[in-house]
Amino acid sequence: MRAWSLIRFYTIAVYIFMFAPIAVVLLLAFNSSEFASFPMTGFSLRWFYKLFENEAIVRAFKTSIELGLMVAVISTTLGVMASIALVRYKFRGKDLITTFLISPVLVPETVLAVGMLIFLRYLHMPRSFGLLLVGHSIIALPFVVLVVQARLVGIKREYEEAARSLGANPLQTFFTVTLPLLLPAVFAGALFAFTISFDNITATIFWRPSGMETVPTQIFGMLRNSISPEINALGFVMICVTVGVPLLAGGLARYFANKKTVPAIQQGE
């Protein structure tokens, strides 16, 4: 009993150590004073107003959202196709391709970023938004593949075979049977890909073109000058996005998972 009490105390202490700085940022975002101090002098939303009056921050938000949405579309599309090929078909080199797709998770992000930058400089290609899009898609793709594969393994082939026996071609079978059953994983993978792109800073610093900022790099640039209350407000928004989107992904996954319907088979019956 004493050992379990020590383990419980240690676990609580670790969680407090991890989340206390986040709680401080959340609280100071509403501090009316310009100086980060406790106790707070009052409650105010003025730093949020100033935050969204800052053109550089608004521009960084637009860039991060556009980039995140494009990364979600690209990585989810490629991830679904790769997962279907790896789960539903047998071919030579399957294990090698699986390892290749998952390798960005295994390689340190800094090494991946520097390696791609050196390779592109060898090809005399400048840093650009396209490079940032490709790089973020490569980083997000393994997560989509893992999520979709886990869902696809649990979908019985009999559903697809039943649709084929009723006259559906492979494309119709995918859109009317396989995709509806995969929707929980597809939504979850897309939202995770968006979050990974939106929150990335290490690779973004190496790949972004000069003059373009995302929200994490904007925060990094602001911290090099001074710690202003606007940074706390921006950190609050970032935490809401990076925590809220995965929670939304989990909620959507559970919602669609509870729908035990197979549209194509029902129509065939």
Protein backbone atom coordinates (compact mmCIF):
# COMPACT_ATOMS: atom_id res chain seq x y z
CA MET A 1 0.00 0.00 0.00
CA ARG A 2 2.81 2.38 0.83
CA ALA A 3 4.48 1.71 -2.54
CA TRP A 4 1.22 2.45 -4.39
CA SER A 5 0.82 5.68 -2.42
CA LEU A 6 4.33 6.76 -3.44
CA ILE A 7 3.63 5.91 -7.08
CA ARG A 8 0.37 7.88 -6.96
CA PHE A 9 2.10 10.86 -5.35
CA TYR A 10 4.92 10.73 -7.93
CA THR A 11 2.41 10.55 -10.81
CA ILE A 12 0.47 13.57 -9.51
CA ALA A 13 3.72 15.51 -9.03
CA VAL A 14 4.81 14.77 -12.62
CA TYR A 15 1.45 15.93 -14.01
CA ILE A 16 1.61 19.13 -11.95
CA PHE A 17 5.15 19.77 -13.19
CA MET A 18 4.04 19.24 -16.82
CA PHE A 19 0.79 21.22 -16.79
CA ALA A 20 1.52 24.03 -14.30
CA PRO A 21 3.29 26.20 -16.94
CA ILE A 22 0.32 25.75 -19.28
CA ALA A 23 -2.07 26.80 -16.51
CA VAL A 24 0.06 29.89 -15.85
CA VAL A 25 -0.11 30.90 -19.53
CA LEU A 26 -3.89 30.40 -19.57
CA LEU A 27 -4.34 32.57 -16.49
CA LEU A 28 -1.97 35.37 -17.53
CA ALA A 29 -3.73 35.68 -20.89
CA PHE A 30 -6.58 37.34 -18.96
CA ASN A 31 -4.40 39.51 -16.72
CA SER A 32 -5.17 43.22 -17.04
CA SER A 33 -1.58 44.19 -16.13
CA GLU A 34 1.21 44.44 -18.67
CA PHE A 35 3.51 42.56 -16.31
CA ALA A 36 3.25 38.84 -15.68
CA SER A 37 2.81 38.66 -11.93
CA PHE A 38 0.73 36.95 -9.26
CA PRO A 39 -1.72 37.73 -7.83
CA MET A 40 -3.39 39.06 -10.98
CA THR A 41 -4.40 42.71 -10.83
CA GLY A 42 -7.67 42.14 -12.70
CA PHE A 43 -9.53 40.32 -15.43
CA SER A 44 -9.31 41.69 -18.96
CA LEU A 45 -9.72 40.62 -22.60
CA ARG A 46 -7.71 43.50 -24.03
CA TRP A 47 -4.73 41.34 -24.96
CA PHE A 48 -6.96 39.23 -27.19
CA TYR A 49 -8.24 42.37 -28.90
CA LYS A 50 -4.67 43.60 -29.40
CA LEU A 51 -3.68 40.15 -30.60
CA PHE A 52 -6.17 40.18 -33.47
CA GLU A 53 -5.38 43.80 -34.29
CA ASN A 54 -1.78 42.75 -34.97
CA GLU A 55 -1.54 42.24 -38.74
CA ALA A 56 1.54 40.03 -38.49
CA ILE A 57 -0.21 37.61 -36.11
CA VAL A 58 -3.39 37.52 -38.20
CA ARG A 59 -1.31 36.84 -41.31
CA ALA A 60 0.52 34.02 -39.47
CA PHE A 61 -2.83 32.52 -38.43
CA LYS A 62 -4.10 32.56 -42.00
CA THR A 63 -0.89 30.90 -43.22
CA SER A 64 -1.04 28.20 -40.54
CA ILE A 65 -4.71 27.43 -41.18
CA GLU A 66 -4.27 27.30 -44.97
CA LEU A 67 -1.18 25.14 -44.62
CA GLY A 68 -2.84 22.85 -42.09
CA LEU A 69 -5.94 22.32 -44.25
CA MET A 70 -3.86 21.53 -47.34
CA VAL A 71 -1.65 19.15 -45.36
CA ALA A 72 -4.75 17.42 -43.96
CA VAL A 73 -6.18 16.89 -47.45
CA ILE A 74 -2.93 15.65 -49.00
CA SER A 75 -1.79 13.40 -46.15
CA THR A 76 -5.27 11.94 -45.60
CA THR A 77 -5.74 11.15 -49.29
CA LEU A 78 -2.33 9.51 -49.57
CA GLY A 79 -2.74 7.78 -46.20
CA VAL A 80 -6.09 6.21 -47.14
CA MET A 81 -4.76 4.94 -50.48
CA ALA A 82 -1.58 3.58 -48.88
CA SER A 83 -3.52 1.89 -46.07
CA ILE A 84 -5.89 0.15 -48.50
CA ALA A 85 -2.95 -1.08 -50.57
CA LEU A 86 -1.07 -2.36 -47.52
CA VAL A 87 -4.03 -4.03 -45.82
CA ARG A 88 -6.07 -5.36 -48.73
CA TYR A 89 -3.35 -6.49 -51.15
CA LYS A 90 -0.28 -8.72 -51.06
CA PHE A 91 2.76 -7.73 -53.11
CA ARG A 92 6.53 -7.92 -53.00
CA GLY A 93 8.24 -5.28 -50.85
CA LYS A 94 5.16 -4.63 -48.71
CA ASP A 95 7.10 -4.61 -45.43
CA LEU A 96 9.73 -2.28 -46.91
CA ILE A 97 7.07 0.19 -48.07
CA THR A 98 5.41 0.09 -44.65
CA THR A 99 8.72 0.87 -42.96
CA PHE A 100 9.36 3.68 -45.44
CA LEU A 101 5.96 5.26 -44.74
CA ILE A 102 6.43 5.09 -40.96
CA SER A 103 10.08 6.22 -41.02
CA PRO A 104 9.35 9.97 -40.55
CA VAL A 105 8.09 9.10 -37.06
CA LEU A 106 11.34 7.26 -36.27
CA VAL A 107 13.73 9.90 -37.64
CA PRO A 108 14.29 13.00 -35.46
CA GLU A 109 12.47 15.95 -36.97
CA THR A 110 15.57 18.15 -36.99
CA VAL A 111 17.52 15.52 -38.94
CA LEU A 112 14.66 15.19 -41.43
CA ALA A 113 14.42 18.96 -41.85
CA VAL A 114 18.16 19.49 -42.34
CA GLY A 115 18.43 16.52 -44.71
CA MET A 116 15.63 17.74 -46.96
CA LEU A 117 17.04 21.29 -46.93
CA ILE A 118 20.51 20.07 -47.95
CA PHE A 119 19.01 17.89 -50.69
CA LEU A 120 17.00 20.80 -52.12
CA ARG A 121 20.03 23.09 -52.03
CA TYR A 122 21.91 20.43 -53.98
CA LEU A 123 19.10 20.65 -56.56
CA HIS A 124 19.32 24.48 -56.43
CA MET A 125 15.70 24.75 -55.26
CA PRO A 126 14.87 27.64 -52.90
CA ARG A 127 12.81 27.38 -49.75
CA SER A 128 9.13 27.91 -50.57
CA PHE A 129 5.57 27.35 -49.42
CA GLY A 130 5.50 24.22 -51.60
CA LEU A 131 8.48 22.77 -49.73
CA LEU A 132 6.75 23.53 -46.44
CA LEU A 133 3.59 21.81 -47.69
CA VAL A 134 5.47 18.69 -48.84
CA GLY A 135 7.51 18.54 -45.65
CA HIS A 136 4.52 18.84 -43.32
CA SER A 137 2.65 16.23 -45.37
CA ILE A 138 5.57 13.81 -44.99
CA ILE A 139 5.59 14.35 -41.22
CA ALA A 140 1.80 13.91 -40.89
CA LEU A 141 1.43 10.96 -43.29
CA PRO A 142 2.60 8.20 -40.87
CA PHE A 143 0.00 9.20 -38.28
CA VAL A 144 -2.78 9.03 -40.88
CA VAL A 145 -1.56 5.63 -42.11
CA LEU A 146 -1.45 4.19 -38.58
CA VAL A 147 -4.94 5.45 -37.71
CA VAL A 148 -6.56 4.33 -40.98
CA GLN A 149 -4.81 0.94 -40.98
CA ALA A 150 -6.02 0.20 -37.47
CA ARG A 151 -9.61 0.86 -38.57
CA LEU A 152 -9.33 -0.92 -41.92
CA VAL A 153 -8.07 -4.15 -40.33
CA GLY A 154 -11.34 -4.38 -38.39
CA ILE A 155 -13.53 -4.01 -41.51
CA LYS A 156 -14.47 -7.41 -42.87
CA ARG A 157 -13.84 -8.15 -46.52
CA GLU A 158 -17.31 -9.73 -46.71
CA TYR A 159 -18.91 -6.26 -46.81
CA GLU A 160 -16.95 -5.29 -49.90
CA GLU A 161 -17.44 -8.71 -51.50
CA ALA A 162 -21.19 -8.45 -50.94
CA ALA A 163 -21.27 -5.09 -52.73
CA ARG A 164 -19.22 -6.51 -55.61
CA SER A 165 -21.58 -9.48 -55.89
CA LEU A 166 -24.49 -7.04 -56.20
CA GLY A 167 -22.90 -5.47 -59.27
CA ALA A 168 -20.83 -2.61 -57.82
CA ASN A 169 -17.45 -1.93 -59.42
CA PRO A 170 -14.34 -1.36 -57.23
CA LEU A 171 -14.77 2.43 -57.20
CA GLN A 172 -18.45 2.21 -56.24
CA THR A 173 -17.60 -0.34 -53.56
CA PHE A 174 -15.03 2.00 -52.06
CA PHE A 175 -17.30 5.07 -51.91
CA THR A 176 -20.47 3.28 -50.81
CA VAL A 177 -19.07 0.64 -48.43
CA THR A 178 -15.39 1.04 -47.50
CA LEU A 179 -15.24 4.82 -47.11
CA PRO A 180 -18.35 5.13 -44.88
CA LEU A 181 -16.90 2.47 -42.59
CA LEU A 182 -13.53 4.25 -42.63
CA LEU A 183 -14.96 7.70 -41.84
CA PRO A 184 -14.03 7.65 -38.12
CA ALA A 185 -10.38 6.99 -38.99
CA VAL A 186 -10.43 9.40 -41.96
CA PHE A 187 -11.78 12.27 -39.82
CA ALA A 188 -9.41 11.48 -36.97
CA GLY A 189 -6.41 11.23 -39.31
CA ALA A 190 -7.27 14.51 -41.07
CA LEU A 191 -7.68 16.40 -37.80
CA PHE A 192 -4.46 14.96 -36.38
CA ALA A 193 -2.63 15.93 -39.59
CA PHE A 194 -3.98 19.49 -39.29
CA THR A 195 -2.86 19.70 -35.66
CA ILE A 196 0.62 18.36 -36.45
CA SER A 197 1.05 20.94 -39.20
CA PHE A 198 -0.44 23.82 -37.20
CA ASP A 199 1.77 23.11 -34.19
CA ASN A 200 5.04 22.37 -36.01
CA ILE A 201 7.98 24.70 -35.45
CA THR A 202 11.21 22.68 -35.76
CA ALA A 203 10.88 21.74 -39.43
CA THR A 204 9.03 24.96 -40.29
CA ILE A 205 12.02 27.08 -39.30
CA PHE A 206 14.20 25.22 -41.81
CA TRP A 207 11.69 25.05 -44.69
CA ARG A 208 9.73 28.32 -44.65
CA PRO A 209 10.67 31.00 -47.16
CA SER A 210 11.98 34.33 -45.96
CA GLY A 211 9.22 36.67 -44.82
CA MET A 212 6.60 33.95 -44.23
CA GLU A 213 5.59 33.15 -40.68
CA THR A 214 3.33 30.53 -39.12
CA VAL A 215 1.87 30.88 -35.63
CA PRO A 216 4.65 28.89 -33.84
CA THR A 217 7.44 30.76 -35.65
CA GLN A 218 5.65 34.05 -34.94
CA ILE A 219 5.61 33.23 -31.23
CA PHE A 220 9.28 32.26 -31.40
CA GLY A 221 10.12 35.57 -33.08
CA MET A 222 8.15 37.57 -30.51
CA LEU A 223 9.91 35.80 -27.63
CA ARG A 224 13.33 36.82 -28.97
CA ASN A 225 12.41 40.49 -28.55
CA SER A 226 10.44 40.55 -25.30
CA ILE A 227 7.75 38.70 -23.38
CA SER A 228 4.59 40.71 -23.97
CA PRO A 229 1.07 39.89 -22.68
CA GLU A 230 0.03 39.29 -26.29
CA ILE A 231 2.20 36.16 -26.28
CA ASN A 232 0.14 34.74 -23.41
CA ALA A 233 -3.07 35.42 -25.34
CA LEU A 234 -1.57 33.83 -28.46
CA GLY A 235 -0.44 30.85 -26.39
CA PHE A 236 -3.99 30.49 -25.06
CA VAL A 237 -5.37 30.35 -28.61
CA MET A 238 -2.70 27.84 -29.64
CA ILE A 239 -3.51 25.58 -26.68
CA CYS A 240 -7.22 25.72 -27.51
CA VAL A 241 -6.51 24.69 -31.12
CA THR A 242 -3.96 21.96 -30.40
CA VAL A 243 -6.05 20.45 -27.59
CA GLY A 244 -9.51 21.07 -29.06
CA VAL A 245 -8.85 19.59 -32.50
CA PRO A 246 -7.67 16.14 -31.22
CA LEU A 247 -10.61 16.07 -28.80
CA LEU A 248 -12.90 16.85 -31.71
CA ALA A 249 -11.24 14.07 -33.70
CA GLY A 250 -11.83 11.60 -30.89
CA GLY A 251 -15.44 12.70 -30.51
CA LEU A 252 -16.13 12.35 -34.21
CA ALA A 253 -14.44 8.94 -34.28
CA ARG A 254 -16.65 7.69 -31.47
CA TYR A 255 -19.75 9.22 -33.09
CA PHE A 256 -19.17 7.51 -36.42
CA ALA A 257 -18.05 4.27 -34.76
CA ASN A 258 -21.40 4.05 -32.97
CA LYS A 259 -23.20 4.11 -36.32
CA LYS A 260 -23.30 0.42 -37.12
CA THR A 261 -24.68 0.78 -40.61
CA VAL A 262 -23.44 -0.52 -43.90
CA PRO A 263 -25.18 1.67 -46.51
CA ALA A 264 -24.40 -0.35 -49.60
CA ILE A 265 -25.50 -3.67 -48.12
CA GLN A 266 -28.71 -2.17 -46.81
CA GLN A 267 -29.50 -0.76 -50.24
CA GLY A 268 -28.78 -4.14 -51.80
CA GLU A 269 -31.14 -5.85 -49.39
